[in-house]
Structure formats: structure tokens, C-alpha cells
């Protein structure tokens, strides 16, 4: 493979991983908010 092809693949992978990470963080934040609300409702 040429260096340019490898660079493009790495950049594409990085963008996909960044997107997945952001989605994961948002999901965890939403779960925490939901958990807090349920806990406060029980109290």
C-alpha cells in the first residue's frame, strides 16, 4: 500500500472512532440522568 492510502485509512478510522466515542458518551450521560431521576422519584 502507498503511504497516502494508509494515511486516508487512518484518518477515516479516526473519524469513525471519534463518532462512536461521542455517541457512547452521550448514551452514558443519558443513562445517568435517567438513573438519577428514577432514584429521586423513589425517595
Protein backbone atom coordinates (compact mmCIF):
# COMPACT_ATOMS: atom_id res chain seq x y z
CA UNK A 1 0.00 0.00 0.00
CA UNK A 2 1.10 3.50 -0.66
CA UNK A 3 1.66 5.90 2.21
CA UNK A 4 -1.22 8.06 1.04
CA UNK A 5 -3.65 5.14 1.12
CA UNK A 6 -2.57 4.28 4.65
CA UNK A 7 -2.98 7.90 5.77
CA UNK A 8 -6.51 8.00 4.30
CA UNK A 9 -7.47 4.77 6.04
CA UNK A 10 -6.12 6.01 9.36
CA UNK A 11 -7.99 9.32 9.04
CA UNK A 12 -11.22 7.51 8.16
CA UNK A 13 -10.83 5.15 11.12
CA UNK A 14 -10.12 8.06 13.45
CA UNK A 15 -13.28 9.87 12.35
CA UNK A 16 -15.36 6.73 12.87
CA UNK A 17 -13.87 6.13 16.31
CA UNK A 18 -14.43 9.75 17.33
CA UNK A 19 -18.06 9.48 16.25
CA UNK A 20 -18.53 6.23 18.15
CA UNK A 21 -16.90 7.73 21.25
CA UNK A 22 -19.18 10.77 21.17
CA UNK A 23 -22.23 8.53 20.82
CA UNK A 24 -21.04 6.39 23.72
CA UNK A 25 -20.50 9.41 25.97
CA UNK A 26 -23.97 10.78 25.18
CA UNK A 27 -25.52 7.39 25.89
CA UNK A 28 -23.81 7.14 29.28
CA UNK A 29 -24.88 10.69 30.19
CA UNK A 30 -28.47 9.89 29.27
CA UNK A 31 -28.38 6.72 31.37
CA UNK A 32 -27.03 8.63 34.36
CA UNK A 33 -29.74 11.29 34.08
CA UNK A 34 -32.39 8.59 33.86
CA UNK A 35 -30.94 6.78 36.88
CA UNK A 36 -30.83 9.99 38.93
CA UNK A 37 -34.44 10.79 38.06
CA UNK A 38 -35.65 7.28 38.95
CA UNK A 39 -33.73 7.37 42.22
CA UNK A 40 -35.15 10.75 43.20
CA UNK A 41 -38.66 9.62 42.30
CA UNK A 42 -38.32 6.64 44.65
CA UNK A 43 -37.24 8.87 47.53
